[in-house]
């Protein structure tokens, strides 16, 4: 029998293996790499120069940054709405985008300043005061780092205690987005937890679907709930059927009535109430060519809840 001699270590095969591993590792790294996009959100409004100052700080870090906005019309101090607007927006931005959100009623106090990297590859620079509640829940937590202000703070700003949006968050966010710093250079890594706001989650029990009203579709006065299709469908309601609705503020019933379940507003007459699924695929209430919120004085927040039955 002829023996086959073992040829020994194959350098070419091993080299190819190393190249493949390096390519995979690079792909993983690039999936979460910053992409030079910086997106701002705040409750500052646009009546003064606060937003412009933040953008000026960012451009001072790198004029190559591409700067955008979520909104600067968050109601003053409304951390919950800030949380919602981030999760409404962020999933549609490319991986590596850096969001700076400044709704900070505790500015200057002991609350932490952090950067969250989600499993979706998005970065969020903000006070850890509940703003991250929904993005952490829906996009997942990859890493959380506390901002080291000894390094990541605008030069000569230590005597300013009330504008961390400019001096800490815009500065750190810009440095991160422009790849001046990496996530590890933001500051010490924290346990994978953030401060969160308790809220009512959608549920089905005893023939009733319950949920919260996290936000309004402000321009049109539509009332957006957090009831998704999976929960809603347990009612076994079909398009064209009526849905019985009760809306509560705390324990006080504010509205009770029936709405027609439709795909689009055009399926009912002008002024008629509707129930429909919004662009985030959550059940919502509206009035064709009108405002449900204004008509029935229904608003949003953690103290508002809704119950649906057939």
Protein backbone atom coordinates (compact mmCIF):
# COMPACT_ATOMS: atom_id res chain seq x y z
CA UNK A 1 0.00 0.00 0.00
CA UNK A 2 1.37 3.40 -0.94
CA UNK A 3 1.69 5.82 1.93
CA UNK A 4 0.43 9.39 1.67
CA UNK A 5 2.85 11.70 3.37
CA UNK A 6 1.36 14.52 5.53
CA UNK A 7 2.34 17.76 3.89
CA UNK A 8 2.48 19.73 7.16
CA UNK A 9 1.36 23.27 7.86
CA UNK A 10 -0.23 24.97 4.84
CA UNK A 11 0.73 28.64 5.02
CA UNK A 12 -1.49 29.68 2.14
CA UNK A 13 -4.60 28.16 3.72
CA UNK A 14 -3.79 29.68 7.10
CA UNK A 15 -3.18 33.09 5.53
CA UNK A 16 -6.54 32.91 3.75
CA UNK A 17 -8.15 31.99 7.05
CA UNK A 18 -6.62 35.02 8.77
CA UNK A 19 -7.76 37.32 5.99
CA UNK A 20 -11.31 35.96 6.28
CA UNK A 21 -11.35 36.39 10.06
CA UNK A 22 -10.01 39.95 9.73
CA UNK A 23 -12.72 40.76 7.20
CA UNK A 24 -15.43 39.46 9.52
CA UNK A 25 -14.03 41.41 12.47
CA UNK A 26 -13.82 44.55 10.35
CA UNK A 27 -17.42 44.10 9.23
CA UNK A 28 -18.55 43.74 12.84
CA UNK A 29 -16.57 46.82 13.83
CA UNK A 30 -17.91 48.88 10.93
CA UNK A 31 -21.48 47.89 11.77
CA UNK A 32 -21.27 50.07 14.87
CA UNK A 33 -18.83 52.70 13.60
CA UNK A 34 -19.81 56.35 13.75
CA UNK A 35 -20.84 57.74 10.36
CA UNK A 36 -20.30 61.52 10.71
CA UNK A 37 -24.04 62.10 11.20
CA UNK A 38 -25.14 64.05 14.28
CA UNK A 39 -28.82 64.48 15.13
CA UNK A 40 -30.04 66.92 17.80
CA UNK A 41 -33.17 66.94 19.96
CA UNK A 42 -34.11 69.28 22.80
CA UNK A 43 -36.87 71.17 24.59
CA UNK A 44 -35.12 74.49 23.84
CA UNK A 45 -37.39 75.70 21.05
CA UNK A 46 -36.03 77.96 18.33
CA UNK A 47 -36.80 81.36 19.82
CA UNK A 48 -33.27 82.00 21.05
CA UNK A 49 -29.72 80.93 20.23
CA UNK A 50 -29.42 77.76 22.33
CA UNK A 51 -29.78 75.29 19.46
CA UNK A 52 -27.48 77.32 17.25
CA UNK A 53 -24.87 77.38 20.02
CA UNK A 54 -24.91 73.58 20.24
CA UNK A 55 -24.50 73.25 16.49
CA UNK A 56 -21.69 75.80 16.56
CA UNK A 57 -19.82 73.73 19.15
CA UNK A 58 -20.28 70.66 16.97
CA UNK A 59 -18.98 72.40 13.86
CA UNK A 60 -16.02 73.60 15.88
CA UNK A 61 -15.14 69.96 16.50
CA UNK A 62 -15.41 69.09 12.81
CA UNK A 63 -16.84 71.12 9.92
CA UNK A 64 -17.23 67.82 8.07
CA UNK A 65 -20.10 66.75 10.30
CA UNK A 66 -23.58 66.38 8.81
CA UNK A 67 -25.99 67.86 11.36
CA UNK A 68 -29.75 67.25 11.51
CA UNK A 69 -32.64 67.59 13.97
CA UNK A 70 -35.30 65.35 15.44
CA UNK A 71 -37.16 68.26 17.02
CA UNK A 72 -36.54 71.12 19.41
CA UNK A 73 -40.21 71.44 20.32
CA UNK A 74 -40.36 68.82 23.08
CA UNK A 75 -42.56 70.37 25.81
CA UNK A 76 -40.35 71.83 28.52
CA UNK A 77 -38.98 69.16 30.90
CA UNK A 78 -40.99 66.37 29.24
CA UNK A 79 -38.53 63.48 29.45
CA UNK A 80 -41.15 60.92 28.42
CA UNK A 81 -41.88 62.69 25.12
CA UNK A 82 -38.14 62.97 24.47
CA UNK A 83 -37.89 59.22 24.92
CA UNK A 84 -40.75 58.59 22.52
CA UNK A 85 -39.49 60.92 19.78
CA UNK A 86 -36.12 59.17 19.80
CA UNK A 87 -37.61 55.71 19.32
CA UNK A 88 -40.02 57.11 16.71
CA UNK A 89 -37.06 58.39 14.70
CA UNK A 90 -33.85 56.49 15.33
CA UNK A 91 -34.66 53.15 13.64
CA UNK A 92 -34.89 54.93 10.28
CA UNK A 93 -31.35 56.37 10.50
CA UNK A 94 -28.23 54.46 9.38
CA UNK A 95 -26.13 52.54 11.87
CA UNK A 96 -23.46 54.73 13.41
CA UNK A 97 -25.64 57.84 13.66
CA UNK A 98 -25.10 59.81 16.89
CA UNK A 99 -28.15 61.36 18.58
CA UNK A 100 -27.80 64.14 21.14
CA UNK A 101 -30.95 64.59 23.23
CA UNK A 102 -31.10 67.35 25.81
CA UNK A 103 -34.25 67.43 27.93
CA UNK A 104 -32.58 67.95 31.25
CA UNK A 105 -34.58 69.37 34.16
CA UNK A 106 -31.85 68.08 36.47
CA UNK A 107 -29.03 69.97 34.73
CA UNK A 108 -26.12 70.54 37.09
CA UNK A 109 -27.22 67.87 39.58
CA UNK A 110 -25.77 64.43 40.24
CA UNK A 111 -27.62 62.64 37.39
CA UNK A 112 -25.20 60.84 35.10
CA UNK A 113 -24.31 61.97 31.59
CA UNK A 114 -24.04 58.93 29.36
CA UNK A 115 -23.61 57.54 25.88
CA UNK A 116 -25.70 54.48 24.99
CA UNK A 117 -24.79 52.28 22.04
CA UNK A 118 -27.80 50.18 21.07
CA UNK A 119 -27.67 46.73 19.50
CA UNK A 120 -28.98 48.40 16.34
CA UNK A 121 -25.73 50.39 16.12
CA UNK A 122 -27.06 53.84 17.10
CA UNK A 123 -25.45 56.15 19.67
CA UNK A 124 -27.38 58.32 22.13
CA UNK A 125 -25.74 61.13 24.11
CA UNK A 126 -27.98 62.38 26.91
CA UNK A 127 -28.54 62.70 30.63
CA UNK A 128 -29.48 59.34 32.12
CA UNK A 129 -32.83 60.55 33.39
CA UNK A 130 -35.33 58.32 31.58
CA UNK A 131 -34.74 59.70 28.08
CA UNK A 132 -33.32 56.33 27.03
CA UNK A 133 -36.28 54.27 28.25
CA UNK A 134 -37.78 53.32 24.89
CA UNK A 135 -34.68 53.10 22.69
CA UNK A 136 -33.04 50.83 25.25
CA UNK A 137 -36.13 48.63 25.37
CA UNK A 138 -36.82 48.46 21.64
CA UNK A 139 -33.33 48.72 20.12
CA UNK A 140 -31.43 46.91 22.89
CA UNK A 141 -28.43 47.89 24.99
CA UNK A 142 -24.98 47.06 23.60
CA UNK A 143 -22.89 49.31 25.87
CA UNK A 144 -23.35 52.27 28.22
CA UNK A 145 -20.53 54.68 29.10
CA UNK A 146 -20.54 57.59 31.51
CA UNK A 147 -19.15 60.79 30.01
CA UNK A 148 -15.85 61.76 31.63
CA UNK A 149 -16.21 65.54 31.77
CA UNK A 150 -12.56 65.95 32.64
CA UNK A 151 -11.83 64.96 29.04
CA UNK A 152 -15.09 65.34 27.13
CA UNK A 153 -16.20 68.85 27.94
CA UNK A 154 -15.88 72.07 25.98
CA UNK A 155 -12.72 73.94 26.90
CA UNK A 156 -13.08 76.69 29.54
CA UNK A 157 -16.70 75.78 30.31
CA UNK A 158 -16.23 74.43 33.84
CA UNK A 159 -17.85 77.46 35.44
CA UNK A 160 -21.06 76.96 33.45
CA UNK A 161 -23.56 74.74 35.28
CA UNK A 162 -26.79 75.22 33.32
CA UNK A 163 -25.96 74.52 29.67
CA UNK A 164 -24.58 70.99 29.53
CA UNK A 165 -26.34 70.63 26.18
CA UNK A 166 -23.71 72.93 24.70
CA UNK A 167 -20.73 72.20 26.94
CA UNK A 168 -20.97 68.42 27.41
CA UNK A 169 -23.52 66.74 25.14
CA UNK A 170 -23.01 68.61 21.86
CA UNK A 171 -19.25 68.54 22.37
CA UNK A 172 -19.08 64.83 23.20
CA UNK A 173 -21.61 63.88 20.53
CA UNK A 174 -19.68 65.78 17.88
CA UNK A 175 -16.37 64.18 18.90
CA UNK A 176 -17.98 60.77 18.76
CA UNK A 177 -19.73 61.33 15.41
CA UNK A 178 -16.55 62.72 13.84
CA UNK A 179 -14.51 59.78 15.17
CA UNK A 180 -12.28 62.09 17.18
CA UNK A 181 -12.98 59.68 20.03
CA UNK A 182 -14.19 56.10 20.21
CA UNK A 183 -16.92 54.88 22.52
CA UNK A 184 -14.32 53.59 24.98
CA UNK A 185 -12.83 57.10 25.17
CA UNK A 186 -16.14 58.63 26.24
CA UNK A 187 -15.57 57.49 29.81
CA UNK A 188 -15.92 54.47 32.08
CA UNK A 189 -18.13 51.61 30.96
CA UNK A 190 -21.22 51.15 33.12
CA UNK A 191 -23.37 48.06 33.76
CA UNK A 192 -25.82 47.60 30.89
CA UNK A 193 -28.67 49.43 32.60
CA UNK A 194 -30.22 52.87 32.26
CA UNK A 195 -32.72 54.91 34.23
CA UNK A 196 -36.18 54.10 32.92
CA UNK A 197 -39.67 55.53 33.20
CA UNK A 198 -42.44 53.13 34.22
CA UNK A 199 -45.37 53.03 31.83
CA UNK A 200 -48.41 50.91 31.05
CA UNK A 201 -47.69 48.26 28.46
CA UNK A 202 -50.37 46.86 26.14
CA UNK A 203 -52.21 43.76 27.32
CA UNK A 204 -55.26 41.58 26.62
CA UNK A 205 -57.34 40.18 29.45
CA UNK A 206 -60.99 39.17 29.86
CA UNK A 207 -61.92 40.37 26.40
CA UNK A 208 -60.35 43.82 26.89
CA UNK A 209 -57.29 45.36 25.31
CA UNK A 210 -55.59 47.93 27.55
CA UNK A 211 -52.73 50.27 26.88
CA UNK A 212 -51.26 53.70 27.32
CA UNK A 213 -51.33 56.93 25.33
CA UNK A 214 -47.67 57.86 25.06
CA UNK A 215 -47.95 60.68 22.54
CA UNK A 216 -50.17 62.77 20.26
CA UNK A 217 -49.81 63.22 16.54
CA UNK A 218 -49.58 66.89 17.40
CA UNK A 219 -50.20 68.54 14.05
CA UNK A 220 -53.50 66.73 13.50
CA UNK A 221 -54.66 65.96 17.03
CA UNK A 222 -54.66 62.20 16.54
CA UNK A 223 -54.25 60.12 19.70
CA UNK A 224 -51.50 57.49 19.44
CA UNK A 225 -51.62 54.51 21.79
CA UNK A 226 -48.93 51.87 22.37
CA UNK A 227 -51.28 49.01 21.43
CA UNK A 228 -49.65 47.01 18.64
CA UNK A 229 -51.41 44.81 16.11
CA UNK A 230 -50.53 41.56 17.85
CA UNK A 231 -52.39 42.63 20.99
CA UNK A 232 -55.21 44.42 19.15
CA UNK A 233 -55.94 41.41 16.95
CA UNK A 234 -56.92 39.41 20.02
CA UNK A 235 -60.20 41.35 19.93
CA UNK A 236 -61.01 39.66 16.61
CA UNK A 237 -62.19 42.94 15.11
CA UNK A 238 -62.29 43.32 11.32
CA UNK A 239 -61.86 46.38 9.14
CA UNK A 240 -65.18 48.21 9.04
CA UNK A 241 -66.29 47.05 12.50
CA UNK A 242 -66.89 49.39 15.41
CA UNK A 243 -64.58 49.34 18.43
CA UNK A 244 -65.77 50.44 21.86
CA UNK A 245 -63.27 52.88 23.39
CA UNK A 246 -62.80 54.19 26.92
CA UNK A 247 -60.10 56.75 27.70
CA UNK A 248 -59.01 57.54 31.26
CA UNK A 249 -56.93 60.26 32.84
CA UNK A 250 -55.69 58.64 36.03
CA UNK A 251 -58.94 56.95 37.13
CA UNK A 252 -61.31 59.51 35.60
CA UNK A 253 -63.12 58.51 32.43
CA UNK A 254 -62.65 61.29 29.86
CA UNK A 255 -64.15 59.66 26.78
CA UNK A 256 -66.36 56.71 25.96
CA UNK A 257 -67.75 55.86 22.57
CA UNK A 258 -67.43 53.79 19.41
CA UNK A 259 -65.04 54.38 16.53
CA UNK A 260 -64.99 52.76 13.11
CA UNK A 261 -61.91 50.60 12.56
CA UNK A 262 -60.48 51.56 9.15
CA UNK A 263 -57.28 51.55 7.13
CA UNK A 264 -57.54 55.17 6.00
CA UNK A 265 -59.43 58.30 6.99
CA UNK A 266 -61.09 58.46 3.58
CA UNK A 267 -63.22 55.43 4.44
CA UNK A 268 -65.50 57.55 6.66
CA UNK A 269 -67.34 60.84 6.32
CA UNK A 270 -65.74 64.14 7.28
CA UNK A 271 -66.03 64.69 11.04
CA UNK A 272 -66.48 60.98 11.81
CA UNK A 273 -64.31 59.29 14.44
CA UNK A 274 -61.95 56.51 13.39
CA UNK A 275 -59.66 53.91 14.86
CA UNK A 276 -56.64 53.06 12.71
CA UNK A 277 -53.02 51.92 12.84
CA UNK A 278 -50.49 54.72 12.56
CA UNK A 279 -47.13 54.70 10.77
CA UNK A 280 -45.54 52.90 13.73
CA UNK A 281 -48.28 50.25 13.55
CA UNK A 282 -49.89 51.22 16.85
CA UNK A 283 -53.64 51.67 17.29
CA UNK A 284 -54.69 55.32 17.14
CA UNK A 285 -57.79 57.51 17.36
CA UNK A 286 -58.64 60.28 14.96
CA UNK A 287 -61.33 62.39 13.35
CA UNK A 288 -61.50 62.68 9.58
CA UNK A 289 -60.50 66.32 8.89
CA UNK A 290 -60.56 67.09 12.61
CA UNK A 291 -58.73 66.72 15.93
CA UNK A 292 -59.74 63.90 18.28
CA UNK A 293 -57.59 65.41 21.03
CA UNK A 294 -59.21 68.83 20.82
CA UNK A 295 -62.73 67.49 20.33
CA UNK A 296 -62.67 65.25 23.41
CA UNK A 297 -59.88 66.85 25.49
CA UNK A 298 -57.81 63.69 25.36
CA UNK A 299 -54.07 64.17 25.79
CA UNK A 300 -51.00 62.01 26.35
CA UNK A 301 -48.54 60.91 29.01
CA UNK A 302 -48.16 58.19 31.59
CA UNK A 303 -51.31 59.26 33.42
CA UNK A 304 -53.46 58.51 30.34
CA UNK A 305 -54.78 55.03 29.50
CA UNK A 306 -57.17 53.38 27.07
CA UNK A 307 -59.40 50.29 27.07
CA UNK A 308 -60.78 48.69 23.88
CA UNK A 309 -63.57 46.13 23.57
CA UNK A 310 -65.72 44.79 20.73
